[in-house]
PDB file of all heavy atoms in Angstrom:
ATOM      1  N   THR A   1     -29.531  -6.494  66.091  1.00  0.00           N
ATOM      2  CA  THR A   1     -29.960  -5.140  66.456  1.00  0.00           C
ATOM      3  C   THR A   1     -30.441  -4.377  65.221  1.00  0.00           C
ATOM      4  O   THR A   1     -31.426  -3.648  65.289  1.00  0.00           O
ATOM      5  CB  THR A   1     -28.815  -4.364  67.129  1.00  0.00           C
ATOM      6  OG1 THR A   1     -27.683  -4.346  66.268  1.00  0.00           O
ATOM      7  CG2 THR A   1     -28.454  -4.991  68.464  1.00  0.00           C
ATOM      8  N   ALA A   2     -29.764  -4.550  64.095  1.00  0.00           N
ATOM      9  CA  ALA A   2     -30.206  -3.884  62.868  1.00  0.00           C
ATOM     10  C   ALA A   2     -31.538  -4.456  62.397  1.00  0.00           C
ATOM     11  O   ALA A   2     -32.417  -3.717  61.928  1.00  0.00           O
ATOM     12  CB  ALA A   2     -29.152  -4.031  61.775  1.00  0.00           C
ATOM     13  N   ALA A   3     -31.708  -5.761  62.533  1.00  0.00           N
ATOM     14  CA  ALA A   3     -32.980  -6.378  62.150  1.00  0.00           C
ATOM     15  C   ALA A   3     -34.110  -5.892  63.052  1.00  0.00           C
ATOM     16  O   ALA A   3     -35.251  -5.724  62.598  1.00  0.00           O
ATOM     17  CB  ALA A   3     -32.864  -7.893  62.219  1.00  0.00           C
ATOM     18  N   ALA A   4     -33.809  -5.647  64.325  1.00  0.00           N
ATOM     19  CA  ALA A   4     -34.829  -5.144  65.240  1.00  0.00           C
ATOM     20  C   ALA A   4     -35.145  -3.678  64.961  1.00  0.00           C
ATOM     21  O   ALA A   4     -36.296  -3.250  65.069  1.00  0.00           O
ATOM     22  CB  ALA A   4     -34.373  -5.325  66.684  1.00  0.00           C
ATOM     23  N   MET A   5     -34.102  -2.902  64.605  1.00  0.00           N
ATOM     24  CA  MET A   5     -34.319  -1.481  64.349  1.00  0.00           C
ATOM     25  C   MET A   5     -34.994  -1.248  62.997  1.00  0.00           C
ATOM     26  O   MET A   5     -35.744  -0.294  62.829  1.00  0.00           O
ATOM     27  CB  MET A   5     -32.991  -0.722  64.400  1.00  0.00           C
ATOM     28  CG  MET A   5     -32.426  -0.611  65.792  1.00  0.00           C
ATOM     29  SD  MET A   5     -30.871   0.279  65.819  1.00  0.00           S
ATOM     30  CE  MET A   5     -31.337   1.876  65.246  1.00  0.00           C
ATOM     31  N   TYR A   6     -34.734  -2.106  62.030  1.00  0.00           N
ATOM     32  CA  TYR A   6     -35.291  -1.967  60.691  1.00  0.00           C
ATOM     33  C   TYR A   6     -36.017  -3.254  60.308  1.00  0.00           C
ATOM     34  O   TYR A   6     -35.549  -4.040  59.489  1.00  0.00           O
ATOM     35  CB  TYR A   6     -34.178  -1.661  59.674  1.00  0.00           C
ATOM     36  CG  TYR A   6     -33.353  -0.467  60.067  1.00  0.00           C
ATOM     37  CD1 TYR A   6     -32.063  -0.625  60.581  1.00  0.00           C
ATOM     38  CD2 TYR A   6     -33.864   0.815  59.949  1.00  0.00           C
ATOM     39  CE1 TYR A   6     -31.311   0.463  60.947  1.00  0.00           C
ATOM     40  CE2 TYR A   6     -33.116   1.912  60.322  1.00  0.00           C
ATOM     41  CZ  TYR A   6     -31.839   1.724  60.819  1.00  0.00           C
ATOM     42  OH  TYR A   6     -31.099   2.814  61.198  1.00  0.00           O
ATOM     43  N   PRO A   7     -37.187  -3.473  60.891  1.00  0.00           N
ATOM     44  CA  PRO A   7     -37.878  -4.745  60.654  1.00  0.00           C
ATOM     45  C   PRO A   7     -38.438  -4.890  59.241  1.00  0.00           C
ATOM     46  O   PRO A   7     -38.775  -6.000  58.832  1.00  0.00           O
ATOM     47  CB  PRO A   7     -39.002  -4.736  61.692  1.00  0.00           C
ATOM     48  CG  PRO A   7     -39.266  -3.294  61.948  1.00  0.00           C
ATOM     49  CD  PRO A   7     -37.930  -2.614  61.800  1.00  0.00           C
ATOM     50  N   LEU A   8     -38.515  -3.804  58.497  1.00  0.00           N
ATOM     51  CA  LEU A   8     -39.091  -3.873  57.154  1.00  0.00           C
ATOM     52  C   LEU A   8     -38.066  -4.198  56.075  1.00  0.00           C
ATOM     53  O   LEU A   8     -38.439  -4.415  54.920  1.00  0.00           O
ATOM     54  CB  LEU A   8     -39.769  -2.551  56.808  1.00  0.00           C
ATOM     55  CG  LEU A   8     -40.946  -2.146  57.683  1.00  0.00           C
ATOM     56  CD1 LEU A   8     -41.484  -0.797  57.247  1.00  0.00           C
ATOM     57  CD2 LEU A   8     -42.033  -3.189  57.631  1.00  0.00           C
ATOM     58  N   MET A   9     -36.782  -4.255  56.439  1.00  0.00           N
ATOM     59  CA  MET A   9     -35.755  -4.481  55.433  1.00  0.00           C
ATOM     60  C   MET A   9     -35.896  -5.836  54.750  1.00  0.00           C
ATOM     61  O   MET A   9     -35.926  -5.926  53.526  1.00  0.00           O
ATOM     62  CB  MET A   9     -34.360  -4.365  56.044  1.00  0.00           C
ATOM     63  CG  MET A   9     -33.966  -2.955  56.369  1.00  0.00           C
ATOM     64  SD  MET A   9     -33.844  -1.955  54.911  1.00  0.00           S
ATOM     65  CE  MET A   9     -32.100  -1.809  54.802  1.00  0.00           C
ATOM     66  N   GLN A  10     -35.969  -6.908  55.527  1.00  0.00           N
ATOM     67  CA  GLN A  10     -36.010  -8.249  54.933  1.00  0.00           C
ATOM     68  C   GLN A  10     -37.315  -8.502  54.168  1.00  0.00           C
ATOM     69  O   GLN A  10     -37.265  -8.989  53.038  1.00  0.00           O
ATOM     70  CB  GLN A  10     -35.786  -9.317  56.017  1.00  0.00           C
ATOM     71  CG  GLN A  10     -35.583 -10.700  55.447  1.00  0.00           C
ATOM     72  CD  GLN A  10     -34.353 -10.782  54.552  1.00  0.00           C
ATOM     73  OE1 GLN A  10     -33.285 -10.317  54.918  1.00  0.00           O
ATOM     74  NE2 GLN A  10     -34.505 -11.376  53.391  1.00  0.00           N
ATOM     75  N   PRO A  11     -38.498  -8.162  54.709  1.00  0.00           N
ATOM     76  CA  PRO A  11     -39.724  -8.374  53.915  1.00  0.00           C
ATOM     77  C   PRO A  11     -39.765  -7.531  52.634  1.00  0.00           C
ATOM     78  O   PRO A  11     -40.219  -8.007  51.588  1.00  0.00           O
ATOM     79  CB  PRO A  11     -40.863  -7.975  54.856  1.00  0.00           C
ATOM     80  CG  PRO A  11     -40.288  -8.037  56.215  1.00  0.00           C
ATOM     81  CD  PRO A  11     -38.829  -7.761  56.072  1.00  0.00           C
ATOM     82  N   ALA A  12     -39.258  -6.310  52.713  1.00  0.00           N
ATOM     83  CA  ALA A  12     -39.224  -5.463  51.517  1.00  0.00           C
ATOM     84  C   ALA A  12     -38.275  -6.041  50.476  1.00  0.00           C
ATOM     85  O   ALA A  12     -38.586  -6.061  49.275  1.00  0.00           O
ATOM     86  CB  ALA A  12     -38.809  -4.037  51.883  1.00  0.00           C
ATOM     87  N   LEU A  13     -37.128  -6.537  50.924  1.00  0.00           N
ATOM     88  CA  LEU A  13     -36.177  -7.143  49.995  1.00  0.00           C
ATOM     89  C   LEU A  13     -36.764  -8.405  49.360  1.00  0.00           C
ATOM     90  O   LEU A  13     -36.559  -8.655  48.172  1.00  0.00           O
ATOM     91  CB  LEU A  13     -34.864  -7.472  50.699  1.00  0.00           C
ATOM     92  CG  LEU A  13     -33.796  -8.064  49.789  1.00  0.00           C
ATOM     93  CD1 LEU A  13     -33.310  -6.996  48.813  1.00  0.00           C
ATOM     94  CD2 LEU A  13     -32.661  -8.627  50.576  1.00  0.00           C
ATOM     95  N   ASP A  14     -37.514  -9.175  50.135  1.00  0.00           N
ATOM     96  CA  ASP A  14     -38.133 -10.385  49.583  1.00  0.00           C
ATOM     97  C   ASP A  14     -39.126 -10.047  48.469  1.00  0.00           C
ATOM     98  O   ASP A  14     -39.146 -10.701  47.426  1.00  0.00           O
ATOM     99  CB  ASP A  14     -38.834 -11.179  50.682  1.00  0.00           C
ATOM    100  CG  ASP A  14     -37.848 -11.781  51.681  1.00  0.00           C
ATOM    101  OD1 ASP A  14     -36.656 -11.905  51.341  1.00  0.00           O
ATOM    102  OD2 ASP A  14     -38.285 -12.107  52.800  1.00  0.00           O
ATOM    103  N   LYS A  15     -39.938  -9.022  48.684  1.00  0.00           N
ATOM    104  CA  LYS A  15     -40.921  -8.627  47.658  1.00  0.00           C
ATOM    105  C   LYS A  15     -40.231  -8.077  46.406  1.00  0.00           C
ATOM    106  O   LYS A  15     -40.620  -8.392  45.287  1.00  0.00           O
ATOM    107  CB  LYS A  15     -41.881  -7.581  48.219  1.00  0.00           C
ATOM    108  CG  LYS A  15     -42.846  -8.140  49.230  1.00  0.00           C
ATOM    109  CD  LYS A  15     -43.772  -7.068  49.762  1.00  0.00           C
ATOM    110  CE  LYS A  15     -44.691  -7.634  50.826  1.00  0.00           C
ATOM    111  NZ  LYS A  15     -45.566  -6.618  51.403  1.00  0.00           N
ATOM    112  N   ILE A  16     -39.231  -7.266  46.611  1.00  0.00           N
ATOM    113  CA  ILE A  16     -38.501  -6.685  45.472  1.00  0.00           C
ATOM    114  C   ILE A  16     -37.766  -7.771  44.699  1.00  0.00           C
ATOM    115  O   ILE A  16     -37.814  -7.826  43.472  1.00  0.00           O
ATOM    116  CB  ILE A  16     -37.514  -5.603  45.960  1.00  0.00           C
ATOM    117  CG1 ILE A  16     -38.281  -4.379  46.460  1.00  0.00           C
ATOM    118  CG2 ILE A  16     -36.548  -5.204  44.863  1.00  0.00           C
ATOM    119  CD1 ILE A  16     -37.397  -3.357  47.134  1.00  0.00           C
ATOM    120  N   SER A  17     -37.072  -8.643  45.430  1.00  0.00           N
ATOM    121  CA  SER A  17     -36.281  -9.674  44.747  1.00  0.00           C
ATOM    122  C   SER A  17     -37.167 -10.640  43.971  1.00  0.00           C
ATOM    123  O   SER A  17     -36.784 -11.097  42.890  1.00  0.00           O
ATOM    124  CB  SER A  17     -35.395 -10.419  45.743  1.00  0.00           C
ATOM    125  OG  SER A  17     -36.175 -11.048  46.736  1.00  0.00           O
ATOM    126  N   GLN A  18     -38.365 -10.934  44.462  1.00  0.00           N
ATOM    127  CA  GLN A  18     -39.277 -11.804  43.723  1.00  0.00           C
ATOM    128  C   GLN A  18     -39.641 -11.184  42.375  1.00  0.00           C
ATOM    129  O   GLN A  18     -39.668 -11.866  41.356  1.00  0.00           O
ATOM    130  CB  GLN A  18     -40.540 -12.071  44.557  1.00  0.00           C
ATOM    131  CG  GLN A  18     -41.489 -13.037  43.919  1.00  0.00           C
ATOM    132  CD  GLN A  18     -40.882 -14.414  43.759  1.00  0.00           C
ATOM    133  OE1 GLN A  18     -40.089 -14.853  44.566  1.00  0.00           O
ATOM    134  NE2 GLN A  18     -41.237 -15.093  42.693  1.00  0.00           N
ATOM    135  N   GLN A  19     -39.910  -9.886  42.363  1.00  0.00           N
ATOM    136  CA  GLN A  19     -40.226  -9.198  41.109  1.00  0.00           C
ATOM    137  C   GLN A  19     -39.012  -9.169  40.174  1.00  0.00           C
ATOM    138  O   GLN A  19     -39.157  -9.335  38.965  1.00  0.00           O
ATOM    139  CB  GLN A  19     -40.692  -7.773  41.386  1.00  0.00           C
ATOM    140  CG  GLN A  19     -42.025  -7.692  42.091  1.00  0.00           C
ATOM    141  CD  GLN A  19     -42.421  -6.255  42.345  1.00  0.00           C
ATOM    142  OE1 GLN A  19     -42.325  -5.419  41.454  1.00  0.00           O
ATOM    143  NE2 GLN A  19     -42.858  -5.963  43.555  1.00  0.00           N
ATOM    144  N   ILE A  20     -37.838  -8.973  40.736  1.00  0.00           N
ATOM    145  CA  ILE A  20     -36.625  -8.928  39.916  1.00  0.00           C
ATOM    146  C   ILE A  20     -36.358 -10.300  39.303  1.00  0.00           C
ATOM    147  O   ILE A  20     -35.969 -10.394  38.139  1.00  0.00           O
ATOM    148  CB  ILE A  20     -35.427  -8.431  40.743  1.00  0.00           C
ATOM    149  CG1 ILE A  20     -35.626  -6.956  41.096  1.00  0.00           C
ATOM    150  CG2 ILE A  20     -34.119  -8.617  39.988  1.00  0.00           C
ATOM    151  CD1 ILE A  20     -34.600  -6.393  42.041  1.00  0.00           C
ATOM    152  N   TYR A  21     -36.584 -11.374  40.057  1.00  0.00           N
ATOM    153  CA  TYR A  21     -36.386 -12.719  39.508  1.00  0.00           C
ATOM    154  C   TYR A  21     -37.310 -12.960  38.319  1.00  0.00           C
ATOM    155  O   TYR A  21     -36.917 -13.568  37.330  1.00  0.00           O
ATOM    156  CB  TYR A  21     -36.643 -13.799  40.552  1.00  0.00           C
ATOM    157  CG  TYR A  21     -35.717 -13.774  41.748  1.00  0.00           C
ATOM    158  CD1 TYR A  21     -36.149 -14.223  42.982  1.00  0.00           C
ATOM    159  CD2 TYR A  21     -34.412 -13.305  41.653  1.00  0.00           C
ATOM    160  CE1 TYR A  21     -35.319 -14.210  44.087  1.00  0.00           C
ATOM    161  CE2 TYR A  21     -33.579 -13.283  42.761  1.00  0.00           C
ATOM    162  CZ  TYR A  21     -34.038 -13.737  43.968  1.00  0.00           C
ATOM    163  OH  TYR A  21     -33.222 -13.709  45.056  1.00  0.00           O
ATOM    164  N   GLU A  22     -38.565 -12.507  38.441  1.00  0.00           N
ATOM    165  CA  GLU A  22     -39.534 -12.722  37.361  1.00  0.00           C
ATOM    166  C   GLU A  22     -39.207 -11.884  36.136  1.00  0.00           C
ATOM    167  O   GLU A  22     -39.264 -12.367  35.009  1.00  0.00           O
ATOM    168  CB  GLU A  22     -40.946 -12.401  37.846  1.00  0.00           C
ATOM    169  CG  GLU A  22     -41.466 -13.388  38.868  1.00  0.00           C
ATOM    170  CD  GLU A  22     -42.773 -12.932  39.499  1.00  0.00           C
ATOM    171  OE1 GLU A  22     -43.311 -11.874  39.101  1.00  0.00           O
ATOM    172  OE2 GLU A  22     -43.249 -13.647  40.406  1.00  0.00           O
ATOM    173  N   LYS A  23     -38.865 -10.615  36.340  1.00  0.00           N
ATOM    174  CA  LYS A  23     -38.625  -9.696  35.220  1.00  0.00           C
ATOM    175  C   LYS A  23     -37.192  -9.719  34.727  1.00  0.00           C
ATOM    176  O   LYS A  23     -36.913  -9.289  33.614  1.00  0.00           O
ATOM    177  CB  LYS A  23     -38.977  -8.263  35.632  1.00  0.00           C
ATOM    178  CG  LYS A  23     -40.436  -8.065  35.966  1.00  0.00           C
ATOM    179  CD  LYS A  23     -40.708  -6.647  36.406  1.00  0.00           C
ATOM    180  CE  LYS A  23     -42.145  -6.477  36.815  1.00  0.00           C
ATOM    181  NZ  LYS A  23     -42.415  -5.115  37.253  1.00  0.00           N
ATOM    182  N   GLN A  24     -36.269 -10.168  35.573  1.00  0.00           N
ATOM    183  CA  GLN A  24     -34.836 -10.115  35.288  1.00  0.00           C
ATOM    184  C   GLN A  24     -34.389  -8.692  34.962  1.00  0.00           C
ATOM    185  O   GLN A  24     -33.550  -8.463  34.104  1.00  0.00           O
ATOM    186  CB  GLN A  24     -34.466 -11.083  34.163  1.00  0.00           C
ATOM    187  CG  GLN A  24     -34.512 -12.529  34.566  1.00  0.00           C
ATOM    188  CD  GLN A  24     -33.545 -12.860  35.692  1.00  0.00           C
ATOM    189  OE1 GLN A  24     -32.377 -12.529  35.626  1.00  0.00           O
ATOM    190  NE2 GLN A  24     -34.041 -13.515  36.729  1.00  0.00           N
ATOM    191  N   SER A  25     -35.001  -7.746  35.639  1.00  0.00           N
ATOM    192  CA  SER A  25     -34.681  -6.338  35.453  1.00  0.00           C
ATOM    193  C   SER A  25     -35.084  -5.581  36.712  1.00  0.00           C
ATOM    194  O   SER A  25     -35.958  -6.016  37.462  1.00  0.00           O
ATOM    195  CB  SER A  25     -35.445  -5.793  34.242  1.00  0.00           C
ATOM    196  OG  SER A  25     -35.304  -4.398  34.166  1.00  0.00           O
ATOM    197  N   VAL A  26     -34.463  -4.428  36.927  1.00  0.00           N
ATOM    198  CA  VAL A  26     -34.844  -3.586  38.055  1.00  0.00           C
ATOM    199  C   VAL A  26     -35.800  -2.477  37.621  1.00  0.00           C
ATOM    200  O   VAL A  26     -36.154  -1.613  38.422  1.00  0.00           O
ATOM    201  CB  VAL A  26     -33.600  -2.977  38.755  1.00  0.00           C
ATOM    202  CG1 VAL A  26     -32.820  -4.039  39.482  1.00  0.00           C
ATOM    203  CG2 VAL A  26     -32.736  -2.241  37.769  1.00  0.00           C
ATOM    204  N   GLU A  27     -36.232  -2.525  36.372  1.00  0.00           N
ATOM    205  CA  GLU A  27     -37.176  -1.531  35.867  1.00  0.00           C
ATOM    206  C   GLU A  27     -38.607  -1.936  36.227  1.00  0.00           C
ATOM    207  O   GLU A  27     -38.941  -3.113  36.270  1.00  0.00           O
ATOM    208  CB  GLU A  27     -37.046  -1.411  34.347  1.00  0.00           C
ATOM    209  CG  GLU A  27     -35.671  -1.010  33.881  1.00  0.00           C
ATOM    210  CD  GLU A  27     -35.222   0.335  34.431  1.00  0.00           C
ATOM    211  OE1 GLU A  27     -36.046   1.269  34.488  1.00  0.00           O
ATOM    212  OE2 GLU A  27     -34.042   0.437  34.801  1.00  0.00           O
ATOM    213  N   ASN A  28     -39.449  -0.963  36.486  1.00  0.00           N
ATOM    214  CA  ASN A  28     -40.882  -1.153  36.753  1.00  0.00           C
ATOM    215  C   ASN A  28     -41.142  -2.056  37.949  1.00  0.00           C
ATOM    216  O   ASN A  28     -42.042  -2.889  37.919  1.00  0.00           O
ATOM    217  CB  ASN A  28     -41.600  -1.692  35.509  1.00  0.00           C
ATOM    218  CG  ASN A  28     -41.471  -0.761  34.336  1.00  0.00           C
ATOM    219  OD1 ASN A  28     -41.494   0.458  34.492  1.00  0.00           O
ATOM    220  ND2 ASN A  28     -41.328  -1.319  33.154  1.00  0.00           N
ATOM    221  N   ILE A  29     -40.394  -1.882  39.000  1.00  0.00           N
ATOM    222  CA  ILE A  29     -40.618  -2.627  40.239  1.00  0.00           C
ATOM    223  C   ILE A  29     -41.637  -1.855  41.064  1.00  0.00           C
ATOM    224  O   ILE A  29     -41.520  -0.640  41.232  1.00  0.00           O
ATOM    225  CB  ILE A  29     -39.302  -2.788  41.030  1.00  0.00           C
ATOM    226  CG1 ILE A  29     -38.258  -3.516  40.201  1.00  0.00           C
ATOM    227  CG2 ILE A  29     -39.548  -3.496  42.351  1.00  0.00           C
ATOM    228  CD1 ILE A  29     -38.616  -4.926  39.836  1.00  0.00           C
ATOM    229  N   THR A  30     -42.653  -2.542  41.551  1.00  0.00           N
ATOM    230  CA  THR A  30     -43.697  -1.893  42.341  1.00  0.00           C
ATOM    231  C   THR A  30     -43.517  -2.245  43.818  1.00  0.00           C
ATOM    232  O   THR A  30     -43.029  -3.320  44.153  1.00  0.00           O
ATOM    233  CB  THR A  30     -45.089  -2.348  41.872  1.00  0.00           C
ATOM    234  OG1 THR A  30     -45.185  -3.764  42.004  1.00  0.00           O
ATOM    235  CG2 THR A  30     -45.333  -1.950  40.435  1.00  0.00           C
ATOM    236  N   TYR A  31     -43.930  -1.314  44.673  1.00  0.00           N
ATOM    237  CA  TYR A  31     -43.860  -1.539  46.106  1.00  0.00           C
ATOM    238  C   TYR A  31     -44.910  -0.680  46.781  1.00  0.00           C
ATOM    239  O   TYR A  31     -45.461   0.258  46.200  1.00  0.00           O
ATOM    240  CB  TYR A  31     -42.461  -1.243  46.659  1.00  0.00           C
ATOM    241  CG  TYR A  31     -41.835   0.027  46.131  1.00  0.00           C
ATOM    242  CD1 TYR A  31     -42.141   1.268  46.677  1.00  0.00           C
ATOM    243  CD2 TYR A  31     -40.918  -0.016  45.082  1.00  0.00           C
ATOM    244  CE1 TYR A  31     -41.572   2.425  46.188  1.00  0.00           C
ATOM    245  CE2 TYR A  31     -40.340   1.136  44.595  1.00  0.00           C
ATOM    246  CZ  TYR A  31     -40.670   2.347  45.155  1.00  0.00           C
ATOM    247  OH  TYR A  31     -40.103   3.493  44.663  1.00  0.00           O
ATOM    248  N   ASP A  32     -45.209  -1.010  48.031  1.00  0.00           N
ATOM    249  CA  ASP A  32     -46.212  -0.284  48.800  1.00  0.00           C
ATOM    250  C   ASP A  32     -45.699   1.102  49.160  1.00  0.00           C
ATOM    251  O   ASP A  32     -44.507   1.301  49.345  1.00  0.00           O
ATOM    252  CB  ASP A  32     -46.533  -1.032  50.104  1.00  0.00           C
ATOM    253  CG  ASP A  32     -47.113  -2.406  49.840  1.00  0.00           C
ATOM    254  OD1 ASP A  32     -47.756  -2.577  48.795  1.00  0.00           O
ATOM    255  OD2 ASP A  32     -46.920  -3.295  50.694  1.00  0.00           O
ATOM    256  N   GLU A  33     -46.630   2.028  49.284  1.00  0.00           N
ATOM    257  CA  GLU A  33     -46.240   3.380  49.680  1.00  0.00           C
ATOM    258  C   GLU A  33     -45.718   3.403  51.118  1.00  0.00           C
ATOM    259  O   GLU A  33     -44.903   4.250  51.469  1.00  0.00           O
ATOM    260  CB  GLU A  33     -47.420   4.340  49.535  1.00  0.00           C
ATOM    261  CG  GLU A  33     -47.731   4.688  48.106  1.00  0.00           C
ATOM    262  CD  GLU A  33     -48.789   5.765  47.998  1.00  0.00           C
ATOM    263  OE1 GLU A  33     -48.903   6.609  48.910  1.00  0.00           O
ATOM    264  OE2 GLU A  33     -49.509   5.760  46.987  1.00  0.00           O
ATOM    265  N   ALA A  34     -46.191   2.480  51.943  1.00  0.00           N
ATOM    266  CA  ALA A  34     -45.722   2.434  53.325  1.00  0.00           C
ATOM    267  C   ALA A  34     -44.238   2.071  53.403  1.00  0.00           C
ATOM    268  O   ALA A  34     -43.542   2.462  54.334  1.00  0.00           O
ATOM    269  CB  ALA A  34     -46.541   1.425  54.123  1.00  0.00           C
ATOM    270  N   ASN A  35     -43.740   1.331  52.415  1.00  0.00           N
ATOM    271  CA  ASN A  35     -42.340   0.907  52.404  1.00  0.00           C
ATOM    272  C   ASN A  35     -41.525   1.614  51.338  1.00  0.00           C
ATOM    273  O   ASN A  35     -40.455   1.125  50.972  1.00  0.00           O
ATOM    274  CB  ASN A  35     -42.254  -0.604  52.133  1.00  0.00           C
ATOM    275  CG  ASN A  35     -42.889  -1.421  53.208  1.00  0.00           C
ATOM    276  OD1 ASN A  35     -43.112  -0.948  54.299  1.00  0.00           O
ATOM    277  ND2 ASN A  35     -43.183  -2.661  52.888  1.00  0.00           N
ATOM    278  N   GLN A  36     -41.980   2.725  50.844  1.00  0.00           N
ATOM    279  CA  GLN A  36     -41.323   3.320  49.677  1.00  0.00           C
ATOM    280  C   GLN A  36     -39.876   3.725  49.944  1.00  0.00           C
ATOM    281  O   GLN A  36     -39.016   3.547  49.088  1.00  0.00           O
ATOM    282  CB  GLN A  36     -42.114   4.497  49.132  1.00  0.00           C
ATOM    283  CG  GLN A  36     -42.047   5.766  49.950  1.00  0.00           C
ATOM    284  CD  GLN A  36     -42.898   6.864  49.346  1.00  0.00           C
ATOM    285  OE1 GLN A  36     -43.880   6.596  48.698  1.00  0.00           O
ATOM    286  NE2 GLN A  36     -42.502   8.089  49.565  1.00  0.00           N
ATOM    287  N   TYR A  37     -39.567   4.229  51.113  1.00  0.00           N
ATOM    288  CA  TYR A  37     -38.199   4.660  51.391  1.00  0.00           C
ATOM    289  C   TYR A  37     -37.271   3.459  51.573  1.00  0.00           C
ATOM    290  O   TYR A  37     -36.142   3.456  51.072  1.00  0.00           O
ATOM    291  CB  TYR A  37     -38.155   5.572  52.611  1.00  0.00           C
ATOM    292  CG  TYR A  37     -38.971   6.824  52.402  1.00  0.00           C
ATOM    293  CD1 TYR A  37     -40.120   7.067  53.138  1.00  0.00           C
ATOM    294  CD2 TYR A  37     -38.616   7.747  51.422  1.00  0.00           C
ATOM    295  CE1 TYR A  37     -40.882   8.206  52.919  1.00  0.00           C
ATOM    296  CE2 TYR A  37     -39.365   8.882  51.198  1.00  0.00           C
ATOM    297  CZ  TYR A  37     -40.499   9.106  51.953  1.00  0.00           C
ATOM    298  OH  TYR A  37     -41.251  10.217  51.720  1.00  0.00           O
ATOM    299  N   THR A  38     -37.748   2.458  52.272  1.00  0.00           N
ATOM    300  CA  THR A  38     -36.971   1.241  52.444  1.00  0.00           C
ATOM    301  C   THR A  38     -36.712   0.582  51.090  1.00  0.00           C
ATOM    302  O   THR A  38     -35.585   0.175  50.786  1.00  0.00           O
ATOM    303  CB  THR A  38     -37.714   0.265  53.376  1.00  0.00           C
ATOM    304  OG1 THR A  38     -37.989   0.919  54.606  1.00  0.00           O
ATOM    305  CG2 THR A  38     -36.897  -0.989  53.621  1.00  0.00           C
ATOM    306  N   CYS A  39     -37.759   0.488  50.286  1.00  0.00           N
ATOM    307  CA  CYS A  39     -37.625  -0.137  48.962  1.00  0.00           C
ATOM    308  C   CYS A  39     -36.712   0.677  48.051  1.00  0.00           C
ATOM    309  O   CYS A  39     -35.942   0.100  47.268  1.00  0.00           O
ATOM    310  CB  CYS A  39     -38.992  -0.315  48.322  1.00  0.00           C
ATOM    311  SG  CYS A  39     -40.007  -1.551  49.153  1.00  0.00           S
TER     312      CYS A  39
END
């Protein structure tokens, strides 16, 4: 039910986590304006 109510959570986490793996930091992470609150 949470996945249905918040369908952008998992894709947003995948994009963020990929950047974190590459940079090994949470600084300067970029995301779309459409997902800014979720991210």
